[in-house]
Amino acid sequence: MEPKNLLVIMSDEHSVKASGCYGHPIVKTPNIDRLAASGARFTNAYTNCPICTPARAGFATGRYIHQIGNWDNAHPYTGDVPGWGHRLQAGGNPVISIGKLHYRNETDPTGFDRQIVPMHVRNGVGSLPGSVRDPLPVQGAKALAAEIGPGETSYSNYDLDITEKACHWLENEAVKDTDKPWMTFVSLVSPHFPLKAPRAFFDIYPPDRMPLPKAHAGDGRPTHPWIDAFRRCIDSDDYFDDEKRRIAIASYFGLCSFLDHNIGRLLESFEKAGLSESTRIIYVSDHGENLGARGTWGKGTMYEESAAIPLIMSGPDVPAGKEVSTPVSLVDFYQTILEAVGVEPNERDENLPGSSLFGIASGPDDPARPVFSEYHAAGAETAAYMLRRDRFKYIHYVYFSPELFDLDTDPEEQNDLAPSPAHREILGEMEASLRKIVDPEAVDRTAKRDQAALIERNGGREAVMNKPAGATPTPGNYSDDGY
């Protein structure tokens, strides 16, 4: 494949279920849909961890979370583990970021020549309460239900600034001659909570016409004990009634359309700059959003709403209008980015778990390719792991019973097959495959040990629980709403 420039656009908390091209009957995303029609759309893409900071660390390094120790939102990426950015810099390829990174700070050597309006974790530390796990606290997540409806936030205003600066870069900087192809990472925050959407986008979705989340009522929720503990810790749903649920869902859908609008502006600048023959584009999100399903909000579960992500690529050498069913994840971006700009992999690169998405998109579908994700952060009484292979998804909870879903016949994951004697063999095969990737119990102990040490270094459990949690502040004074 001929080396070309690469533009990666990442959103935050965009569920795969919330785009038109992925089949949503309500959400309007015409620009994302147009990008998908021009290229390849991956129908089984997953995050490597359904929470921001670890997901982005794994994305940067091409490694699983247990290999790098970025367990939660208080264990940010520092550049100590080499990533694709370092490889591109060593090869002389320009590497630019615009927008949210969620690393430790701007001065760490994380593989970017330049960071434009970067967002990093709060005070270079992050959200410490999420590291408190043994026993789980009650996080007191009332704010999620309070900050809903139409309106601007610092996040939506920050996205406008990111978009403006990215459009300027594309039209004025990207066209300059360079010796090597460049890679530019544009990272938007929407549709991350707070679930408030600018009025013009909220009004697209009248709340009284919004569907209620599946299994949101207490008598319809799954009773898996790990999920029960998660809900008790992150108690957002306790503050919702059906009216608020509909308003929050309308807001989330509005934020998805706001995101799409900003992506449309990026695509306009891309085309205006005449980059279509010299540059490939990839759109992806870091993880999804539960949006009230099963009484859960935010992320942190291994269900499709939270763990599955949109992933679309377009441009030279990318098959147009193709649906790719091979399971993939964020760890595949390391090899993808190197191949896109023409950096040859070295011996260390070849030992990483991912593969180039370009090769996967161009080749025959391989539904049996296993994809792995893990979670060790807020609300996790013990570690949760996911293995997706072929039609089955296996969720392994340390010291709790597993779950098994057939996504072909049960895409909404309403029927847990793990207790079924007829599925005992596939359940055993999935667990054996997962244990080839990770020692679930040993990694759970390591994560908790590291987190407990971090808590002690910051004054102990009580002191940490009094520290700010929730959404990361924006890097500039975009509003005074606290986000």
Protein backbone atom coordinates (compact mmCIF):
# COMPACT_ATOMS: atom_id res chain seq x y z
CA MET A 1 0.00 0.00 0.00
CA GLU A 2 1.38 3.39 -0.97
CA PRO A 3 2.20 5.65 2.01
CA LYS A 4 -0.27 8.53 2.39
CA ASN A 5 -1.16 11.11 5.00
CA LEU A 6 -3.56 9.93 7.71
CA LEU A 7 -6.31 11.87 9.50
CA VAL A 8 -7.77 10.07 12.53
CA ILE A 9 -10.93 11.57 14.01
CA MET A 10 -11.88 10.22 17.44
CA SER A 11 -15.03 10.97 19.39
CA ASP A 12 -15.71 10.20 23.04
CA GLU A 13 -18.46 7.89 24.27
CA HIS A 14 -20.15 7.36 20.90
CA SER A 15 -22.05 4.08 21.05
CA VAL A 16 -22.00 1.99 17.90
CA LYS A 17 -25.79 1.88 18.23
CA ALA A 18 -26.13 5.66 17.77
CA SER A 19 -25.37 6.31 14.07
CA GLY A 20 -27.50 6.15 10.99
CA CYS A 21 -25.04 4.01 9.03
CA TYR A 22 -25.08 1.46 11.87
CA GLY A 23 -28.84 1.16 11.60
CA HIS A 24 -30.21 3.49 14.26
CA PRO A 25 -33.80 4.41 13.31
CA ILE A 26 -33.73 7.88 14.93
CA VAL A 27 -30.21 9.30 15.21
CA LYS A 28 -29.25 11.51 12.28
CA THR A 29 -25.56 11.38 11.32
CA PRO A 30 -25.44 12.23 7.59
CA ASN A 31 -21.73 13.11 7.50
CA ILE A 32 -20.62 9.95 9.27
CA ASP A 33 -22.96 8.02 6.97
CA ARG A 34 -21.38 9.68 3.93
CA LEU A 35 -17.91 8.75 5.15
CA ALA A 36 -19.04 5.14 5.61
CA ALA A 37 -20.52 5.01 2.11
CA SER A 38 -17.19 6.14 0.65
CA GLY A 39 -15.14 3.53 2.47
CA ALA A 40 -15.18 0.54 4.80
CA ARG A 41 -17.39 0.26 7.89
CA PHE A 42 -16.40 -2.23 10.60
CA THR A 43 -19.46 -3.87 12.13
CA ASN A 44 -17.71 -5.61 15.03
CA ALA A 45 -15.26 -3.07 16.44
CA TYR A 46 -14.54 -2.78 20.16
CA THR A 47 -12.73 -0.65 22.66
CA ASN A 48 -9.83 -2.24 24.53
CA CYS A 49 -11.28 -0.78 27.76
CA PRO A 50 -14.66 0.97 28.19
CA ILE A 51 -13.39 4.10 29.95
CA CYS A 52 -11.47 7.08 28.58
CA THR A 53 -7.92 7.11 29.97
CA PRO A 54 -7.10 3.39 29.67
CA ALA A 55 -8.73 3.14 26.24
CA ARG A 56 -6.58 5.97 24.93
CA ALA A 57 -3.41 4.53 26.47
CA GLY A 58 -4.07 1.21 24.74
CA PHE A 59 -4.87 3.05 21.52
CA ALA A 60 -1.54 4.91 21.74
CA THR A 61 0.58 1.84 22.44
CA GLY A 62 -1.17 -1.02 20.66
CA ARG A 63 -1.12 -2.97 23.91
CA TYR A 64 -3.71 -4.45 26.25
CA ILE A 65 -4.38 -2.55 29.46
CA HIS A 66 -2.91 -5.28 31.67
CA GLN A 67 0.32 -5.03 29.68
CA ILE A 68 0.77 -1.31 30.40
CA GLY A 69 -0.93 -0.78 33.79
CA ASN A 70 -3.14 2.18 32.81
CA TRP A 71 -5.96 0.78 34.90
CA ASP A 72 -8.36 3.70 35.26
CA ASN A 73 -8.82 7.44 34.86
CA ALA A 74 -6.11 8.11 37.47
CA HIS A 75 -3.48 6.06 35.62
CA PRO A 76 -2.87 8.22 32.52
CA TYR A 77 -0.46 7.58 29.67
CA THR A 78 2.95 9.20 30.20
CA GLY A 79 4.86 8.04 27.12
CA ASP A 80 6.98 5.61 29.12
CA VAL A 81 5.62 2.74 27.03
CA PRO A 82 6.51 3.48 23.39
CA GLY A 83 3.59 4.11 21.05
CA TRP A 84 2.97 4.64 17.37
CA GLY A 85 3.68 8.34 17.80
CA HIS A 86 7.26 7.62 18.83
CA ARG A 87 7.73 5.32 15.84
CA LEU A 88 6.46 7.99 13.46
CA GLN A 89 8.68 10.64 15.03
CA ALA A 90 11.70 8.36 14.70
CA GLY A 91 10.85 7.89 11.02
CA GLY A 92 10.58 11.61 10.40
CA ASN A 93 6.79 11.67 9.91
CA PRO A 94 5.03 14.76 11.32
CA VAL A 95 2.61 13.87 14.16
CA ILE A 96 0.04 16.44 15.36
CA SER A 97 -2.82 16.26 17.86
CA ILE A 98 -5.78 18.63 18.05
CA GLY A 99 -8.16 18.27 21.01
CA LYS A 100 -8.64 15.73 23.76
CA LEU A 101 -5.82 13.30 24.59
CA HIS A 102 -6.46 12.46 28.27
CA TYR A 103 -2.79 11.72 28.92
CA ARG A 104 -0.96 12.99 32.03
CA ASN A 105 0.19 16.35 30.72
CA GLU A 106 1.42 18.25 27.69
CA THR A 107 5.11 17.95 28.51
CA ASP A 108 5.43 14.16 28.68
CA PRO A 109 7.02 12.64 25.55
CA THR A 110 3.86 10.92 24.27
CA GLY A 111 4.72 10.91 20.58
CA PHE A 112 3.37 14.21 19.25
CA ASP A 113 5.42 16.97 17.66
CA ARG A 114 2.72 19.46 18.56
CA GLN A 115 -0.43 19.40 20.70
CA ILE A 116 -3.09 21.97 19.79
CA VAL A 117 -5.66 22.77 22.56
CA PRO A 118 -4.99 19.44 24.33
CA MET A 119 -7.16 18.15 27.17
CA HIS A 120 -5.31 16.07 29.74
CA VAL A 121 -6.42 14.50 33.02
CA ARG A 122 -7.30 16.80 35.92
CA ASN A 123 -4.17 18.35 37.45
CA GLY A 124 -2.00 15.67 35.87
CA VAL A 125 -3.52 13.15 38.30
CA GLY A 126 -6.97 12.27 37.02
CA SER A 127 -10.09 11.04 38.77
CA LEU A 128 -8.83 9.33 41.93
CA PRO A 129 -12.22 8.16 43.30
CA GLY A 130 -12.42 5.67 40.44
CA SER A 131 -9.38 3.88 41.86
CA VAL A 132 -11.25 3.10 45.11
CA ARG A 133 -12.48 -0.45 44.61
CA ASP A 134 -12.03 -2.67 47.65
CA PRO A 135 -14.69 -2.30 48.92
CA LEU A 136 -16.58 -0.29 46.33
CA PRO A 137 -17.83 3.11 47.47
CA VAL A 138 -21.02 4.83 46.37
CA GLN A 139 -19.84 7.39 43.84
CA GLY A 140 -22.88 9.63 44.22
CA ALA A 141 -23.48 10.18 40.51
CA LYS A 142 -26.45 12.53 40.88
CA ALA A 143 -25.01 15.16 38.52
CA LEU A 144 -25.58 13.01 35.43
CA ALA A 145 -29.37 13.21 35.90
CA ALA A 146 -29.24 16.91 36.77
CA GLU A 147 -27.24 18.11 33.75
CA ILE A 148 -29.63 17.16 30.94
CA GLY A 149 -31.62 18.95 28.26
CA PRO A 150 -30.85 21.75 25.80
CA GLY A 151 -27.94 24.09 26.36
CA GLU A 152 -24.26 24.73 25.87
CA THR A 153 -21.52 23.32 28.07
CA SER A 154 -17.80 23.82 28.19
CA TYR A 155 -17.52 20.50 26.35
CA SER A 156 -19.71 21.55 23.42
CA ASN A 157 -17.90 24.90 23.23
CA TYR A 158 -14.55 23.12 23.42
CA ASP A 159 -15.61 20.92 20.51
CA LEU A 160 -16.37 24.02 18.46
CA ASP A 161 -12.89 25.32 19.18
CA ILE A 162 -11.27 21.97 18.35
CA THR A 163 -13.20 21.88 15.08
CA GLU A 164 -12.27 25.45 14.20
CA LYS A 165 -8.58 24.84 14.83
CA ALA A 166 -8.63 21.50 13.00
CA CYS A 167 -10.31 23.06 9.96
CA HIS A 168 -7.70 25.81 9.96
CA TRP A 169 -4.92 23.24 10.18
CA LEU A 170 -6.34 21.19 7.32
CA GLU A 171 -6.77 24.20 5.05
CA ASN A 172 -3.51 25.97 5.89
CA GLU A 173 -0.98 23.51 7.30
CA ALA A 174 -1.82 20.09 5.88
CA VAL A 175 -1.21 21.22 2.31
CA LYS A 176 2.38 22.26 2.99
CA ASP A 177 5.00 20.01 1.47
CA THR A 178 6.64 17.58 3.87
CA ASP A 179 9.31 14.95 3.24
CA LYS A 180 7.16 12.22 4.81
CA PRO A 181 3.40 11.65 5.12
CA TRP A 182 1.86 13.23 8.21
CA MET A 183 -0.49 11.80 10.79
CA THR A 184 -2.97 14.17 12.48
CA PHE A 185 -5.20 13.10 15.37
CA VAL A 186 -8.35 15.21 15.84
CA SER A 187 -10.10 14.24 19.06
CA LEU A 188 -13.57 15.61 19.86
CA VAL A 189 -15.38 15.26 23.20
CA SER A 190 -19.01 14.79 22.12
CA PRO A 191 -21.20 12.91 22.82
CA HIS A 192 -19.59 12.50 26.28
CA PHE A 193 -21.76 13.63 29.20
CA PRO A 194 -23.01 16.06 30.51
CA LEU A 195 -26.04 15.11 28.47
CA LYS A 196 -26.83 18.65 27.37
CA ALA A 197 -26.97 19.36 23.65
CA PRO A 198 -26.92 22.74 21.91
CA ARG A 199 -30.53 23.80 21.34
CA ALA A 200 -30.53 23.38 17.55
CA PHE A 201 -29.47 19.75 17.90
CA PHE A 202 -31.59 18.92 20.96
CA ASP A 203 -34.68 20.13 19.12
CA ILE A 204 -34.22 17.46 16.44
CA TYR A 205 -35.29 14.87 19.01
CA PRO A 206 -38.54 15.66 20.90
CA PRO A 207 -38.22 13.93 24.29
CA ASP A 208 -41.78 12.59 24.25
CA ARG A 209 -40.91 10.59 21.12
CA MET A 210 -37.75 9.06 22.54
CA PRO A 211 -37.68 5.34 23.38
CA LEU A 212 -37.01 4.29 26.94
CA PRO A 213 -33.86 2.23 27.56
CA LYS A 214 -34.15 -1.53 27.48
CA ALA A 215 -34.41 -3.28 30.84
CA HIS A 216 -34.36 0.06 32.67
CA ALA A 217 -37.11 -0.78 35.14
CA GLY A 218 -36.18 -2.54 38.35
CA ASP A 219 -38.32 -5.56 37.56
CA GLY A 220 -36.80 -5.93 34.11
CA ARG A 221 -33.13 -5.57 34.87
CA PRO A 222 -30.64 -8.44 34.83
CA THR A 223 -29.75 -9.58 38.32
CA HIS A 224 -26.12 -10.48 37.68
CA PRO A 225 -24.31 -9.64 40.95
CA TRP A 226 -21.38 -7.89 39.25
CA ILE A 227 -23.79 -5.53 37.44
CA ASP A 228 -25.77 -5.03 40.66
CA ALA A 229 -22.57 -3.91 42.41
CA PHE A 230 -21.71 -1.64 39.48
CA ARG A 231 -25.13 0.05 39.71
CA ARG A 232 -24.85 0.51 43.48
CA CYS A 233 -21.44 2.16 43.09
CA ILE A 234 -22.34 4.38 40.12
CA ASP A 235 -25.88 5.17 41.20
CA SER A 236 -26.86 7.53 38.36
CA ASP A 237 -30.09 5.72 37.53
CA ASP A 238 -31.46 6.28 41.04
CA TYR A 239 -31.97 9.94 40.09
CA PHE A 240 -33.87 9.30 36.85
CA ASP A 241 -37.55 8.88 36.19
CA ASP A 242 -38.98 8.10 32.75
CA GLU A 243 -39.35 11.79 31.85
CA LYS A 244 -35.72 12.48 32.69
CA ARG A 245 -34.62 9.35 30.85
CA ARG A 246 -36.30 10.60 27.68
CA ILE A 247 -34.76 14.06 28.02
CA ALA A 248 -31.31 12.54 28.59
CA ILE A 249 -31.69 10.28 25.57
CA ALA A 250 -32.83 13.20 23.40
CA SER A 251 -29.77 15.11 24.62
CA TYR A 252 -27.43 12.24 23.79
CA PHE A 253 -28.91 11.86 20.32
CA GLY A 254 -28.56 15.64 19.90
CA LEU A 255 -24.90 15.42 20.90
CA CYS A 256 -24.39 12.66 18.32
CA SER A 257 -25.81 14.97 15.65
CA PHE A 258 -23.68 17.85 16.99
CA LEU A 259 -20.64 15.58 16.68
CA ASP A 260 -21.71 14.70 13.14
CA HIS A 261 -22.04 18.40 12.31
CA ASN A 262 -18.47 19.03 13.45
CA ILE A 263 -17.22 16.04 11.48
CA GLY A 264 -19.02 17.50 8.46
CA ARG A 265 -17.08 20.74 8.90
CA LEU A 266 -13.84 18.75 9.04
CA LEU A 267 -14.75 16.90 5.86
CA GLU A 268 -15.56 20.19 4.12
CA SER A 269 -12.13 21.58 5.01
CA PHE A 270 -10.53 18.29 4.00
CA GLU A 271 -12.13 18.50 0.57
CA LYS A 272 -11.49 22.24 0.25
CA ALA A 273 -7.79 21.60 0.85
CA GLY A 274 -7.73 18.98 -1.93
CA LEU A 275 -6.54 16.19 0.34
CA SER A 276 -8.72 13.34 -0.92
CA GLU A 277 -6.01 11.80 -3.14
CA SER A 278 -3.17 12.19 -0.65
CA THR A 279 -4.85 11.39 2.67
CA ARG A 280 -6.83 8.61 4.28
CA ILE A 281 -9.41 9.18 7.01
CA ILE A 282 -10.41 6.98 9.94
CA TYR A 283 -13.31 7.75 12.29
CA VAL A 284 -13.55 5.90 15.62
CA SER A 285 -14.71 6.42 19.20
CA ASP A 286 -12.83 5.50 22.38
CA HIS A 287 -15.81 3.59 23.84
CA GLY A 288 -19.61 3.67 23.93
CA GLU A 289 -22.38 4.78 26.29
CA ASN A 290 -24.89 2.61 28.18
CA LEU A 291 -27.55 5.36 28.08
CA GLY A 292 -29.75 3.84 30.76
CA ALA A 293 -29.76 0.26 29.46
CA ARG A 294 -30.05 -2.18 32.36
CA GLY A 295 -30.14 0.78 34.73
CA THR A 296 -26.60 1.86 33.84
CA TRP A 297 -25.29 5.14 32.42
CA GLY A 298 -21.88 6.11 31.11
CA LYS A 299 -19.57 3.26 30.26
CA GLY A 300 -17.76 0.51 32.19
CA THR A 301 -19.70 -2.58 31.13
CA MET A 302 -18.90 -5.15 28.47
CA TYR A 303 -22.30 -4.95 26.81
CA GLU A 304 -22.50 -3.71 23.23
CA GLU A 305 -23.72 -0.21 24.17
CA SER A 306 -20.52 0.41 26.15
CA ALA A 307 -17.84 -1.83 24.61
CA ALA A 308 -18.69 -1.75 20.89
CA ILE A 309 -17.58 1.30 18.89
CA PRO A 310 -18.08 2.80 15.43
CA LEU A 311 -15.06 2.44 13.14
CA ILE A 312 -14.98 3.73 9.57
CA MET A 313 -12.06 4.22 7.17
CA SER A 314 -12.00 5.92 3.79
CA GLY A 315 -9.56 7.05 1.14
CA PRO A 316 -7.02 5.64 -1.30
CA ASP A 317 -6.71 1.82 -1.26
CA VAL A 318 -9.74 1.45 1.05
CA PRO A 319 -12.60 -0.57 -0.49
CA ALA A 320 -15.63 1.69 -0.96
CA GLY A 321 -19.02 0.75 0.47
CA LYS A 322 -17.72 -2.36 2.20
CA GLU A 323 -18.97 -3.79 5.49
CA VAL A 324 -16.21 -5.60 7.37
CA SER A 325 -17.44 -8.14 9.91
CA THR A 326 -14.02 -9.28 11.17
CA PRO A 327 -13.80 -8.38 14.88
CA VAL A 328 -11.26 -5.60 15.52
CA SER A 329 -10.33 -3.24 18.37
CA LEU A 330 -8.37 -0.12 19.27
CA VAL A 331 -5.17 -2.16 19.66
CA ASP A 332 -5.19 -2.61 15.87
CA PHE A 333 -4.46 1.08 15.32
CA TYR A 334 -0.74 0.78 16.03
CA GLN A 335 -0.05 -1.32 12.93
CA THR A 336 -2.71 0.59 10.96
CA ILE A 337 -1.05 3.97 11.52
CA LEU A 338 2.42 2.66 10.73
CA GLU A 339 1.24 1.11 7.47
CA ALA A 340 -0.75 4.20 6.48
CA VAL A 341 2.26 6.52 6.53
CA GLY A 342 4.84 3.95 5.40
CA VAL A 343 6.77 3.15 8.59
CA GLU A 344 8.10 -0.40 8.46
CA PRO A 345 7.35 -2.49 11.57
CA ASN A 346 10.31 -3.62 13.64
CA GLU A 347 10.68 -6.75 15.76
CA ARG A 348 9.02 -5.15 18.78
CA ASP A 349 6.06 -4.02 16.67
CA GLU A 350 5.53 -7.52 15.33
CA ASN A 351 5.06 -8.88 18.85
CA LEU A 352 2.08 -6.62 19.55
CA PRO A 353 -1.42 -8.15 19.57
CA GLY A 354 -2.97 -6.04 16.78
CA SER A 355 -3.03 -6.14 12.99
CA SER A 356 -3.43 -3.44 10.37
CA LEU A 357 -7.05 -2.50 9.67
CA PHE A 358 -6.14 -1.88 6.03
CA GLY A 359 -5.24 -5.53 5.53
CA ILE A 360 -8.33 -6.65 7.43
CA ALA A 361 -10.59 -4.39 5.34
CA SER A 362 -9.09 -5.56 2.05
CA GLY A 363 -9.10 -9.26 2.88
CA PRO A 364 -11.89 -11.80 3.36
CA ASP A 365 -13.93 -11.57 6.55
CA ASP A 366 -12.60 -13.60 9.46
CA PRO A 367 -15.42 -13.80 12.03
CA ALA A 368 -13.40 -16.22 14.18
CA ARG A 369 -10.72 -13.61 14.90
CA PRO A 370 -10.77 -13.12 18.70
CA VAL A 371 -11.01 -9.61 20.15
CA PHE A 372 -10.34 -8.82 23.80
CA SER A 373 -11.33 -6.03 26.19
CA GLU A 374 -10.95 -5.52 29.95
CA TYR A 375 -12.15 -3.21 32.73
CA HIS A 376 -10.61 -2.46 36.14
CA ALA A 377 -12.04 0.97 36.97
CA ALA A 378 -14.94 2.69 38.74
CA GLY A 379 -17.76 0.35 39.71
CA ALA A 380 -15.79 -2.86 39.10
CA GLU A 381 -15.88 -4.98 42.24
CA THR A 382 -13.55 -7.32 40.39
CA ALA A 383 -12.05 -7.25 36.92
CA ALA A 384 -14.31 -7.77 33.91
CA TYR A 385 -13.00 -9.23 30.65
CA MET A 386 -14.62 -9.69 27.26
CA LEU A 387 -13.77 -12.04 24.42
CA ARG A 388 -15.63 -11.65 21.14
CA ARG A 389 -15.17 -14.50 18.66
CA ASP A 390 -17.48 -15.35 15.81
CA ARG A 391 -21.12 -15.04 16.89
CA PHE A 392 -20.39 -15.34 20.60
CA LYS A 393 -19.44 -12.82 23.24
CA TYR A 394 -18.03 -14.15 26.50
CA ILE A 395 -17.85 -11.90 29.58
CA HIS A 396 -15.63 -13.13 32.40
CA TYR A 397 -16.03 -11.59 35.86
CA VAL A 398 -13.39 -12.55 38.40
CA TYR A 399 -15.05 -14.50 41.25
CA PHE A 400 -18.50 -14.09 39.66
CA SER A 401 -20.38 -16.24 37.17
CA PRO A 402 -19.67 -15.47 33.49
CA GLU A 403 -22.08 -14.38 30.79
CA LEU A 404 -22.35 -15.70 27.24
CA PHE A 405 -24.36 -14.14 24.42
CA ASP A 406 -25.07 -15.22 20.85
CA LEU A 407 -25.00 -11.87 19.04
CA ASP A 408 -26.45 -13.34 15.85
CA THR A 409 -29.71 -14.39 17.49
CA ASP A 410 -29.61 -12.02 20.47
CA PRO A 411 -27.98 -8.73 19.43
CA GLU A 412 -29.52 -6.91 22.41
CA GLU A 413 -27.87 -9.36 24.86
CA GLN A 414 -31.06 -10.23 26.69
CA ASN A 415 -30.52 -13.98 26.96
CA ASP A 416 -27.47 -15.13 28.93
CA LEU A 417 -26.51 -18.58 27.65
CA ALA A 418 -23.86 -19.28 30.27
CA PRO A 419 -26.17 -21.35 32.52
CA SER A 420 -27.37 -23.43 29.56
CA PRO A 421 -26.04 -27.03 29.49
CA ALA A 422 -26.25 -26.90 25.69
CA HIS A 423 -23.59 -24.18 25.67
CA ARG A 424 -21.21 -25.68 28.20
CA GLU A 425 -18.67 -26.61 25.54
CA ILE A 426 -18.51 -23.18 23.88
CA LEU A 427 -18.38 -21.56 27.32
CA GLY A 428 -15.31 -23.66 28.17
CA GLU A 429 -13.69 -22.89 24.83
CA MET A 430 -14.19 -19.16 25.29
CA GLU A 431 -12.75 -19.19 28.78
CA ALA A 432 -9.74 -21.19 27.61
CA SER A 433 -9.16 -18.71 24.77
CA LEU A 434 -9.41 -15.78 27.16
CA ARG A 435 -6.91 -17.36 29.56
CA LYS A 436 -4.39 -17.58 26.73
CA ILE A 437 -4.48 -13.77 26.63
CA VAL A 438 -4.69 -12.94 30.33
CA ASP A 439 -4.55 -14.49 33.81
CA PRO A 440 -7.80 -12.95 35.07
CA GLU A 441 -7.22 -13.42 38.77
CA ALA A 442 -3.56 -12.39 38.79
CA VAL A 443 -4.25 -9.22 36.79
CA ASP A 444 -7.17 -8.34 39.07
CA ARG A 445 -4.84 -8.55 42.06
CA THR A 446 -2.18 -6.45 40.33
CA ALA A 447 -4.64 -3.72 39.36
CA LYS A 448 -6.07 -3.51 42.87
CA ARG A 449 -2.58 -3.44 44.39
CA ASP A 450 -1.54 -0.57 42.12
CA GLN A 451 -4.76 1.31 42.78
CA ALA A 452 -4.48 0.85 46.56
CA ALA A 453 -0.92 2.19 46.46
CA LEU A 454 -2.09 5.23 44.47
CA ILE A 455 -4.83 5.91 47.02
CA GLU A 456 -2.34 5.75 49.89
CA ARG A 457 0.03 8.14 48.12
CA ASN A 458 -2.84 10.61 47.88
CA GLY A 459 -3.88 10.58 51.54
CA GLY A 460 -5.98 7.43 51.85
CA ARG A 461 -9.51 6.41 51.03
CA GLU A 462 -11.39 9.15 52.88
CA ALA A 463 -9.23 11.93 51.46
CA VAL A 464 -9.53 10.57 47.93
CA MET A 465 -13.32 10.23 48.11
CA ASN A 466 -13.49 13.95 48.89
CA LYS A 467 -11.57 14.83 45.73
CA PRO A 468 -13.31 15.88 42.48
CA ALA A 469 -14.60 13.08 40.27
CA GLY A 470 -16.56 13.03 37.05
CA ALA A 471 -15.82 14.80 33.81
CA THR A 472 -12.38 16.32 33.16
CA PRO A 473 -12.27 20.13 33.01
CA THR A 474 -11.65 21.68 29.61
CA PRO A 475 -8.23 23.23 29.02
CA GLY A 476 -9.66 26.70 28.40
CA ASN A 477 -12.36 28.91 29.87
CA TYR A 478 -15.14 27.68 27.61
CA SER A 479 -17.90 28.22 30.20
CA ASP A 480 -18.47 28.22 33.93
CA ASP A 481 -20.71 25.15 34.19
CA GLY A 482 -18.13 23.08 36.06
CA TYR A 483 -17.22 20.76 33.19
